[in-house]
Amino acid sequence: MKVKKFGGTSVGSAERIRNVGKLISGCKKDIVVLSAMSGTTNSLLEISSAIKDGDRLRVSGLIDSLRQKYTLTIDELYKTEEYKEEATKAIDEIFNELKDISEKPSSPKTEKEIVSKGEMMSTRLMQLHLQEEGFKPALLPALDFMKIDRHGEPVEDFIRSEASKALAGHPEADLYITQGFICRNEQGEIDNLQRGGSDYTASLLGALLNAEEIEIWTDIDGMHNNDPRFVEDTRPVHNLHFEEAAELAYFGAKILHPTCILPARQHNVPVRLLNTMDPAAEGTLIENNLERSSIKAVAAKDNITAIKIKSGRMLLAYGFLKKVFEIFEKYETSIDMITTSEVGVSLTIDNEKNLPRIEEELSRLGTVTVDRDMVIICVVGDLEWTNKGFEAAALEALRNVPVRMISYGGSNYNISFLIRKEDKTKALRLLSYHLF
């Protein structure tokens, strides 16, 4: 059994729903995780915002507009009047629920209920489409088995037990369809998985049900060895270790959320990234096998702020770094890179929400300098220190690019460089040219 996840663009129109239907129709007993149709979640959030503002006229207009989109999709997707009527009835039920929710006072709870409707609609449309094509798909409501605790973490024993029961309850099914992203919280209310969304749902199910493989289908053929938006002639990386994939995702590879594959890594279930627009493409396989002594890819993380604290009190003193870290902990601000010298420490953050207060408290420890509009460029692969020459090759590639900070040795899979925003494209292209 495999778990296959398809994102919003993959099911973003009647034509694409049919394409996904062809990809999954021959997959016996696989679990298919679907996101909402592209654009739907944004529309639902807009509806929720209008409810919060008390703008009933706008709420009604937004709901009608979204309903019209689904009317057109249904008319194009189904071949027979029977299935068009059944799909219309199913979607009408969901929109009636949406209208009922819109008449209640706005709250974070109602917003999550509203947003959940997108995945419910896409999965119902897919189920009916496959039935019309002669298959026997079972629709398994994710709200029956996806659960998080009070900390927002998945309740793994519950998910494993209830998902197994749900599968066993449909022995006649060709395959199983469920919603990504949505779940219930400790109070039994509709909630969501937040990080990684539908990818996280697929990773959890694949890991906890001991799947053969988890497939993440998007509109690009795997992780590339550089950012194709800025660098020409990039190519997919065929194999990545889980750690390498996590580094690339954290430092800018948008195809994957950095934490969503954690369950798969922990349970040693391979993850394959595939392209719905080019199903024959090999894609990227992520697993625990490491290709030794190789540089795999380059990625960039934008909107970085560098902070330098310089103090004579740091010289030969202990406890200084502890005080620095306690300030960032106090304001719940994570640190990406850090370098130190005898009298100073430089570090980076990607969230300036509490920067004024952080800067004020750091100034009591020494002189504080802040540089904004910076970018972290990371080179990822098997970069263990015993592998000679990799750091030299990366530095040689950037010899004409001003580098503010370098981080090497904290991970066996990553060398990071902090540069100015205006040097980003040049740096990415130079690294591609010299390393690949």
Protein backbone atom coordinates (compact mmCIF):
# COMPACT_ATOMS: atom_id res chain seq x y z
CA MET A 1 0.00 0.00 0.00
CA LYS A 2 1.17 3.51 -0.88
CA VAL A 3 -0.02 6.90 0.30
CA LYS A 4 -0.38 9.42 -2.53
CA LYS A 5 -0.92 13.12 -1.85
CA PHE A 6 -2.11 15.57 -4.52
CA GLY A 7 -1.94 19.32 -3.92
CA GLY A 8 -4.39 22.06 -4.84
CA THR A 9 -3.00 22.74 -8.31
CA SER A 10 -3.13 19.02 -9.11
CA VAL A 11 -6.92 19.05 -8.53
CA GLY A 12 -7.44 22.69 -9.52
CA SER A 13 -9.86 22.11 -12.41
CA ALA A 14 -12.09 19.44 -13.94
CA GLU A 15 -9.35 18.51 -16.38
CA ARG A 16 -6.79 18.10 -13.63
CA ILE A 17 -9.17 16.09 -11.46
CA ARG A 18 -9.59 13.73 -14.43
CA ASN A 19 -5.80 13.51 -14.84
CA VAL A 20 -5.36 12.62 -11.17
CA GLY A 21 -8.20 10.12 -11.52
CA LYS A 22 -6.24 8.37 -14.28
CA LEU A 23 -3.12 8.30 -12.12
CA ILE A 24 -4.82 6.72 -9.11
CA SER A 25 -7.56 4.56 -10.68
CA GLY A 26 -5.29 1.54 -11.07
CA CYS A 27 -3.74 1.85 -7.61
CA LYS A 28 -5.22 -1.00 -5.60
CA LYS A 29 -5.79 -0.29 -1.90
CA ASP A 30 -3.68 2.90 -1.93
CA ILE A 31 -4.64 5.89 0.21
CA VAL A 32 -5.11 9.15 -1.71
CA VAL A 33 -4.81 12.41 0.26
CA LEU A 34 -6.24 15.49 -1.45
CA SER A 35 -5.89 19.20 -0.80
CA ALA A 36 -8.64 21.69 -1.62
CA MET A 37 -8.93 22.82 -5.25
CA SER A 38 -6.47 25.65 -5.89
CA GLY A 39 -7.91 29.02 -4.92
CA THR A 40 -10.61 27.52 -2.68
CA THR A 41 -8.79 27.92 0.63
CA ASN A 42 -8.05 31.57 -0.14
CA SER A 43 -11.72 32.13 -1.00
CA LEU A 44 -12.81 30.47 2.24
CA LEU A 45 -10.40 32.60 4.25
CA GLU A 46 -11.82 35.67 2.51
CA ILE A 47 -15.31 34.55 3.49
CA SER A 48 -14.17 34.07 7.08
CA SER A 49 -12.64 37.57 7.10
CA ALA A 50 -15.89 39.08 5.79
CA ILE A 51 -17.83 37.27 8.53
CA LYS A 52 -15.43 38.70 11.10
CA ASP A 53 -16.04 42.19 9.68
CA GLY A 54 -19.81 41.66 9.86
CA ASP A 55 -20.17 42.39 6.13
CA ARG A 56 -23.10 40.08 5.37
CA LEU A 57 -23.56 41.33 1.81
CA ARG A 58 -19.92 40.59 0.98
CA VAL A 59 -20.16 37.17 2.66
CA SER A 60 -23.15 36.25 0.50
CA GLY A 61 -21.41 37.47 -2.66
CA LEU A 62 -18.22 35.52 -1.92
CA ILE A 63 -20.13 32.32 -1.17
CA ASP A 64 -22.15 32.66 -4.38
CA SER A 65 -19.00 33.29 -6.41
CA LEU A 66 -17.27 30.19 -5.01
CA ARG A 67 -20.43 28.13 -5.54
CA GLN A 68 -20.45 29.19 -9.18
CA LYS A 69 -16.89 27.90 -9.60
CA TYR A 70 -17.98 24.48 -8.38
CA THR A 71 -21.08 24.51 -10.58
CA LEU A 72 -18.86 24.98 -13.63
CA THR A 73 -16.42 22.30 -12.45
CA ILE A 74 -19.24 19.78 -11.92
CA ASP A 75 -20.72 20.51 -15.35
CA GLU A 76 -17.36 19.90 -17.00
CA LEU A 77 -16.18 16.96 -14.88
CA TYR A 78 -19.08 14.50 -15.09
CA LYS A 79 -20.41 12.85 -18.22
CA THR A 80 -23.86 11.77 -17.05
CA GLU A 81 -26.76 13.75 -15.61
CA GLU A 82 -26.98 11.22 -12.77
CA TYR A 83 -23.53 12.06 -11.47
CA LYS A 84 -23.90 15.78 -12.13
CA GLU A 85 -27.01 15.74 -9.95
CA GLU A 86 -25.34 13.70 -7.22
CA ALA A 87 -22.26 15.97 -7.19
CA THR A 88 -24.48 19.07 -7.15
CA LYS A 89 -26.42 17.68 -4.18
CA ALA A 90 -23.20 16.87 -2.29
CA ILE A 91 -21.68 20.31 -2.92
CA ASP A 92 -24.97 22.06 -2.07
CA GLU A 93 -24.97 20.33 1.33
CA ILE A 94 -21.50 21.70 2.05
CA PHE A 95 -22.42 25.22 0.90
CA ASN A 96 -25.55 25.12 3.05
CA GLU A 97 -23.34 24.22 6.02
CA LEU A 98 -21.09 27.11 5.05
CA LYS A 99 -24.04 29.52 5.02
CA ASP A 100 -25.17 28.24 8.44
CA ILE A 101 -21.69 28.84 9.86
CA SER A 102 -21.62 32.33 8.32
CA GLU A 103 -24.66 33.31 10.39
CA LYS A 104 -22.92 32.46 13.66
CA PRO A 105 -20.62 34.87 15.56
CA SER A 106 -17.07 34.80 14.19
CA SER A 107 -14.37 32.95 16.16
CA PRO A 108 -11.13 31.04 15.47
CA LYS A 109 -13.26 27.88 15.72
CA THR A 110 -15.65 28.96 12.95
CA GLU A 111 -12.76 30.00 10.70
CA LYS A 112 -11.29 26.50 10.88
CA GLU A 113 -14.68 24.96 10.19
CA ILE A 114 -15.03 27.17 7.12
CA VAL A 115 -11.57 26.39 5.77
CA SER A 116 -12.13 22.62 6.20
CA LYS A 117 -14.89 22.70 3.57
CA GLY A 118 -12.36 22.96 0.74
CA GLU A 119 -10.86 19.51 1.32
CA MET A 120 -14.32 18.04 1.90
CA MET A 121 -15.46 19.25 -1.52
CA SER A 122 -12.40 18.12 -3.49
CA THR A 123 -12.50 14.60 -2.01
CA ARG A 124 -16.24 14.20 -2.66
CA LEU A 125 -15.84 15.32 -6.28
CA MET A 126 -12.99 12.85 -6.78
CA GLN A 127 -14.92 9.99 -5.20
CA LEU A 128 -17.91 10.57 -7.49
CA HIS A 129 -15.68 10.95 -10.55
CA LEU A 130 -14.03 7.59 -9.90
CA GLN A 131 -17.40 5.97 -9.30
CA GLU A 132 -18.64 7.28 -12.63
CA GLU A 133 -15.57 5.72 -14.23
CA GLY A 134 -16.50 2.33 -12.75
CA PHE A 135 -14.20 2.13 -9.73
CA LYS A 136 -14.99 1.56 -6.06
CA PRO A 137 -13.31 4.32 -4.03
CA ALA A 138 -14.06 4.66 -0.32
CA LEU A 139 -14.18 8.17 1.13
CA LEU A 140 -12.67 8.16 4.62
CA PRO A 141 -13.37 11.42 6.53
CA ALA A 142 -10.07 12.62 8.01
CA LEU A 143 -11.99 14.08 10.95
CA ASP A 144 -12.69 10.50 12.08
CA PHE A 145 -9.03 9.63 12.65
CA MET A 146 -6.71 12.67 12.37
CA LYS A 147 -6.28 14.14 15.86
CA ILE A 148 -3.90 16.58 17.56
CA ASP A 149 -3.22 17.15 21.26
CA ARG A 150 -3.23 20.42 23.17
CA HIS A 151 0.26 21.21 21.87
CA GLY A 152 -0.82 20.78 18.26
CA GLU A 153 1.09 17.50 17.91
CA PRO A 154 -0.50 14.46 16.22
CA VAL A 155 -1.84 11.76 18.56
CA GLU A 156 -0.10 8.91 16.79
CA ASP A 157 -1.66 5.92 18.61
CA PHE A 158 -5.15 7.30 17.97
CA ILE A 159 -4.42 8.02 14.30
CA ARG A 160 -2.93 4.55 13.74
CA SER A 161 -5.81 2.76 15.46
CA GLU A 162 -8.70 4.76 13.97
CA ALA A 163 -7.26 4.93 10.45
CA SER A 164 -6.75 1.16 10.49
CA LYS A 165 -10.37 0.69 11.54
CA ALA A 166 -11.55 3.03 8.78
CA LEU A 167 -9.62 1.05 6.15
CA ALA A 168 -10.88 -2.28 7.47
CA GLY A 169 -14.46 -0.99 7.28
CA HIS A 170 -14.30 -0.89 3.46
CA PRO A 171 -12.88 -4.23 2.29
CA GLU A 172 -14.61 -3.87 -1.10
CA ALA A 173 -12.86 -0.59 -1.96
CA ASP A 174 -10.37 -0.27 -4.84
CA LEU A 175 -8.68 2.62 -3.06
CA TYR A 176 -9.25 5.10 -0.27
CA ILE A 177 -9.65 8.88 -0.47
CA THR A 178 -9.23 11.26 2.46
CA GLN A 179 -8.68 14.91 3.20
CA GLY A 180 -5.33 16.48 3.89
CA PHE A 181 -4.65 19.28 6.39
CA ILE A 182 -7.79 19.00 8.51
CA CYS A 183 -8.12 17.21 11.85
CA ARG A 184 -9.76 17.44 15.27
CA ASN A 185 -8.16 18.90 18.36
CA GLU A 186 -8.23 17.72 21.97
CA GLN A 187 -11.70 19.22 22.45
CA GLY A 188 -13.04 17.42 19.39
CA GLU A 189 -13.30 20.66 17.41
CA ILE A 190 -12.33 20.95 13.74
CA ASP A 191 -8.72 22.11 13.52
CA ASN A 192 -5.76 21.75 11.17
CA LEU A 193 -2.25 20.33 11.15
CA GLN A 194 -0.70 23.72 10.28
CA ARG A 195 2.85 22.81 9.30
CA GLY A 196 3.10 21.04 5.97
CA GLY A 197 -0.67 20.77 5.59
CA SER A 198 -1.68 17.87 3.34
CA ASP A 199 1.93 16.72 3.01
CA TYR A 200 1.97 16.22 6.76
CA THR A 201 -1.26 14.19 6.62
CA ALA A 202 0.27 11.92 3.98
CA SER A 203 3.51 11.56 5.92
CA LEU A 204 1.68 10.67 9.12
CA LEU A 205 -0.58 8.11 7.46
CA GLY A 206 2.26 6.55 5.50
CA ALA A 207 4.48 6.30 8.55
CA LEU A 208 1.86 5.07 11.03
CA LEU A 209 0.28 2.55 8.63
CA ASN A 210 3.68 1.24 7.49
CA ALA A 211 3.17 2.16 3.84
CA GLU A 212 5.50 0.96 1.12
CA GLU A 213 6.07 4.55 0.00
CA ILE A 214 4.65 8.07 0.33
CA GLU A 215 4.19 9.96 -2.93
CA ILE A 216 3.86 13.75 -2.92
CA TRP A 217 2.47 14.90 -6.29
CA THR A 218 2.88 18.57 -7.23
CA ASP A 219 3.35 20.59 -10.42
CA ILE A 220 7.16 20.23 -10.49
CA ASP A 221 9.27 17.12 -11.06
CA GLY A 222 10.94 16.85 -7.66
CA MET A 223 13.48 18.95 -5.81
CA HIS A 224 15.87 20.69 -8.18
CA ASN A 225 19.56 21.24 -7.61
CA ASN A 226 18.94 25.00 -7.62
CA ASP A 227 16.05 27.45 -7.82
CA PRO A 228 14.69 27.36 -11.41
CA ARG A 229 13.18 30.83 -10.93
CA PHE A 230 16.68 32.33 -10.86
CA VAL A 231 18.94 29.73 -12.48
CA GLU A 232 18.63 28.19 -15.92
CA ASP A 233 19.07 24.50 -16.69
CA THR A 234 18.44 23.20 -13.18
CA ARG A 235 17.66 19.51 -12.87
CA PRO A 236 15.83 17.30 -10.40
CA VAL A 237 17.88 15.59 -7.72
CA HIS A 238 17.08 11.89 -8.04
CA ASN A 239 17.99 10.82 -4.50
CA LEU A 240 18.14 12.69 -1.20
CA HIS A 241 18.69 11.62 2.39
CA PHE A 242 15.92 12.75 4.76
CA GLU A 243 18.37 15.17 6.41
CA GLU A 244 19.36 16.66 3.06
CA ALA A 245 15.72 17.13 2.08
CA ALA A 246 14.94 18.77 5.42
CA GLU A 247 17.85 21.20 5.02
CA LEU A 248 16.73 22.15 1.49
CA ALA A 249 13.11 22.56 2.57
CA TYR A 250 14.05 24.73 5.55
CA PHE A 251 16.36 26.92 3.48
CA GLY A 252 13.99 27.70 0.66
CA ALA A 253 12.93 24.68 -1.42
CA LYS A 254 9.20 25.47 -1.49
CA ILE A 255 8.13 22.09 -2.84
CA LEU A 256 8.23 20.59 0.67
CA HIS A 257 7.63 21.85 4.21
CA PRO A 258 10.73 21.19 6.37
CA THR A 259 8.90 19.26 9.11
CA CYS A 260 6.27 17.39 7.09
CA ILE A 261 8.49 14.39 6.33
CA LEU A 262 9.56 13.90 9.96
CA PRO A 263 7.15 10.98 10.59
CA ALA A 264 8.33 9.25 7.41
CA ARG A 265 11.96 9.66 8.46
CA GLN A 266 11.28 8.32 11.95
CA HIS A 267 9.49 5.24 10.60
CA ASN A 268 11.86 4.78 7.63
CA VAL A 269 9.18 5.10 4.93
CA PRO A 270 10.55 6.50 1.63
CA VAL A 271 9.03 9.69 0.22
CA ARG A 272 8.90 10.29 -3.53
CA LEU A 273 8.22 13.72 -5.08
CA LEU A 274 6.43 13.47 -8.43
CA ASN A 275 4.92 15.75 -11.08
CA THR A 276 1.24 15.45 -12.06
CA MET A 277 2.01 17.36 -15.27
CA ASP A 278 4.71 14.83 -16.21
CA PRO A 279 3.89 11.52 -14.49
CA ALA A 280 6.68 9.67 -16.32
CA ALA A 281 9.37 11.89 -14.77
CA GLU A 282 11.50 10.08 -12.21
CA GLY A 283 11.12 12.77 -9.56
CA THR A 284 13.04 12.78 -6.27
CA LEU A 285 13.28 9.86 -3.86
CA ILE A 286 13.88 10.78 -0.20
CA GLU A 287 15.04 7.99 2.08
CA ASN A 288 17.54 7.14 4.81
CA ASN A 289 20.25 5.97 2.39
CA LEU A 290 23.03 8.54 2.02
CA GLU A 291 25.04 8.99 -1.16
CA ARG A 292 28.49 9.59 0.23
CA SER A 293 30.78 12.46 -0.73
CA SER A 294 28.42 14.42 -2.95
CA ILE A 295 26.95 17.90 -3.23
CA LYS A 296 23.26 17.62 -4.10
CA ALA A 297 21.68 21.06 -4.32
CA VAL A 298 21.65 24.76 -3.48
CA ALA A 299 18.78 26.70 -1.91
CA ALA A 300 18.15 30.24 -0.64
CA LYS A 301 16.15 31.62 2.27
CA ASP A 302 15.01 35.24 1.95
CA ASN A 303 14.04 37.96 4.44
CA ILE A 304 16.88 37.30 6.84
CA THR A 305 18.02 39.79 9.49
CA ALA A 306 21.58 39.63 10.84
CA ILE A 307 22.33 40.79 14.39
CA LYS A 308 25.82 41.34 15.77
CA ILE A 309 26.53 41.82 19.50
CA LYS A 310 30.01 43.05 20.31
CA SER A 311 31.19 43.26 23.91
CA GLY A 312 34.51 43.33 25.72
CA ARG A 313 32.79 41.49 28.56
CA MET A 314 32.62 38.42 26.34
CA LEU A 315 36.42 37.99 26.35
CA LEU A 316 37.37 34.95 28.46
CA ALA A 317 33.95 35.06 30.12
CA TYR A 318 31.44 32.27 30.53
CA GLY A 319 27.66 32.72 30.55
CA PHE A 320 27.60 35.45 27.89
CA LEU A 321 26.05 33.29 25.18
CA LYS A 322 23.51 31.97 27.65
CA LYS A 323 22.29 35.51 28.28
CA VAL A 324 22.04 36.14 24.54
CA PHE A 325 20.04 32.96 23.90
CA GLU A 326 17.73 33.63 26.85
CA ILE A 327 16.68 36.92 25.23
CA PHE A 328 15.70 35.17 22.01
CA GLU A 329 13.93 32.44 23.97
CA LYS A 330 12.02 35.05 25.95
CA TYR A 331 10.65 36.57 22.74
CA GLU A 332 10.07 33.19 21.03
CA THR A 333 12.37 34.02 18.14
CA SER A 334 14.37 31.20 16.55
CA ILE A 335 17.95 31.60 15.32
CA ASP A 336 19.09 30.26 11.93
CA MET A 337 22.86 30.85 11.85
CA ILE A 338 25.38 31.78 14.51
CA THR A 339 29.10 32.55 14.52
CA THR A 340 31.30 33.71 17.39
CA SER A 341 34.64 35.41 18.02
CA GLU A 342 36.51 36.45 21.17
CA VAL A 343 34.48 39.62 21.63
CA GLY A 344 31.38 39.20 19.50
CA VAL A 345 28.58 36.98 18.31
CA SER A 346 26.68 37.25 15.03
CA LEU A 347 23.41 35.47 14.36
CA THR A 348 20.44 35.56 12.04
CA ILE A 349 16.65 35.48 12.44
CA ASP A 350 13.80 35.31 9.95
CA ASN A 351 11.14 36.94 12.11
CA GLU A 352 11.38 40.61 13.12
CA LYS A 353 8.14 40.66 15.12
CA ASN A 354 9.91 41.22 18.44
CA LEU A 355 13.15 42.72 17.09
CA PRO A 356 12.82 46.15 18.78
CA ARG A 357 12.52 44.55 22.22
CA ILE A 358 15.25 42.02 21.46
CA GLU A 359 17.56 44.81 20.30
CA GLU A 360 16.84 46.83 23.43
CA GLU A 361 17.75 43.95 25.75
CA LEU A 362 20.82 42.92 23.73
CA SER A 363 22.13 46.51 23.94
CA ARG A 364 22.59 45.95 27.68
CA LEU A 365 25.14 43.27 26.84
CA GLY A 366 27.11 45.21 24.23
CA THR A 367 26.99 47.16 20.97
CA VAL A 368 24.28 45.87 18.65
CA THR A 369 24.38 46.11 14.84
CA VAL A 370 21.43 45.03 12.67
CA ASP A 371 21.60 44.26 8.93
CA ARG A 372 18.33 43.70 7.08
CA ASP A 373 17.45 42.36 3.64
CA MET A 374 19.90 39.49 3.84
CA VAL A 375 19.71 36.01 2.29
CA ILE A 376 21.01 32.65 3.48
CA ILE A 377 22.43 30.53 0.68
CA CYS A 378 22.92 26.88 1.62
CA VAL A 379 24.85 24.14 -0.14
CA VAL A 380 23.48 20.70 0.73
CA GLY A 381 24.91 17.20 0.42
CA ASP A 382 27.14 14.79 2.30
CA LEU A 383 29.46 17.48 3.65
CA GLU A 384 31.02 15.68 6.60
CA TRP A 385 34.32 17.30 7.54
CA THR A 386 36.30 14.25 6.41
CA ASN A 387 35.16 14.92 2.82
CA LYS A 388 37.91 17.17 1.51
CA GLY A 389 37.39 20.19 -0.68
CA PHE A 390 33.64 20.81 -0.60
CA GLU A 391 33.83 23.94 1.51
CA ALA A 392 36.72 25.20 -0.63
CA ALA A 393 34.70 24.62 -3.82
CA ALA A 394 31.74 26.58 -2.46
CA LEU A 395 33.97 29.44 -1.29
CA GLU A 396 35.78 29.54 -4.62
CA ALA A 397 32.42 29.87 -6.40
CA LEU A 398 31.55 32.88 -4.24
CA ARG A 399 34.94 34.58 -4.41
CA ASN A 400 33.39 37.68 -6.03
CA VAL A 401 30.34 37.83 -3.74
CA PRO A 402 30.57 39.64 -0.36
CA VAL A 403 29.81 37.11 2.40
CA ARG A 404 28.66 38.40 5.79
CA MET A 405 28.70 35.07 7.68
CA ILE A 406 29.60 31.42 7.09
CA SER A 407 28.23 28.44 9.03
CA TYR A 408 29.98 25.10 8.60
CA GLY A 409 30.18 22.10 10.91
CA GLY A 410 26.88 22.43 12.75
CA SER A 411 25.42 19.92 10.28
CA ASN A 412 27.04 17.23 8.16
CA TYR A 413 24.67 18.18 5.36
CA ASN A 414 24.87 21.94 4.97
CA ILE A 415 27.24 24.87 4.44
CA SER A 416 25.46 28.23 4.81
CA PHE A 417 26.49 31.67 3.57
CA LEU A 418 24.85 34.96 4.53
CA ILE A 419 24.85 37.48 1.70
CA ARG A 420 22.99 40.62 0.63
CA LYS A 421 19.63 40.34 -1.09
CA GLU A 422 20.97 42.03 -4.22
CA ASP A 423 23.67 39.34 -4.58
CA LYS A 424 21.29 36.38 -4.36
CA THR A 425 20.80 35.61 -8.06
CA LYS A 426 24.49 36.03 -8.82
CA ALA A 427 25.44 33.71 -5.97
CA LEU A 428 22.97 30.99 -6.98
CA ARG A 429 24.19 31.05 -10.58
CA LEU A 430 27.86 30.99 -9.60
CA LEU A 431 27.32 28.02 -7.29
CA SER A 432 25.47 26.13 -10.03
CA TYR A 433 28.22 26.83 -12.52
CA HIS A 434 31.06 25.76 -10.21
CA LEU A 435 29.43 22.87 -8.34
CA PHE A 436 27.27 21.19 -10.99
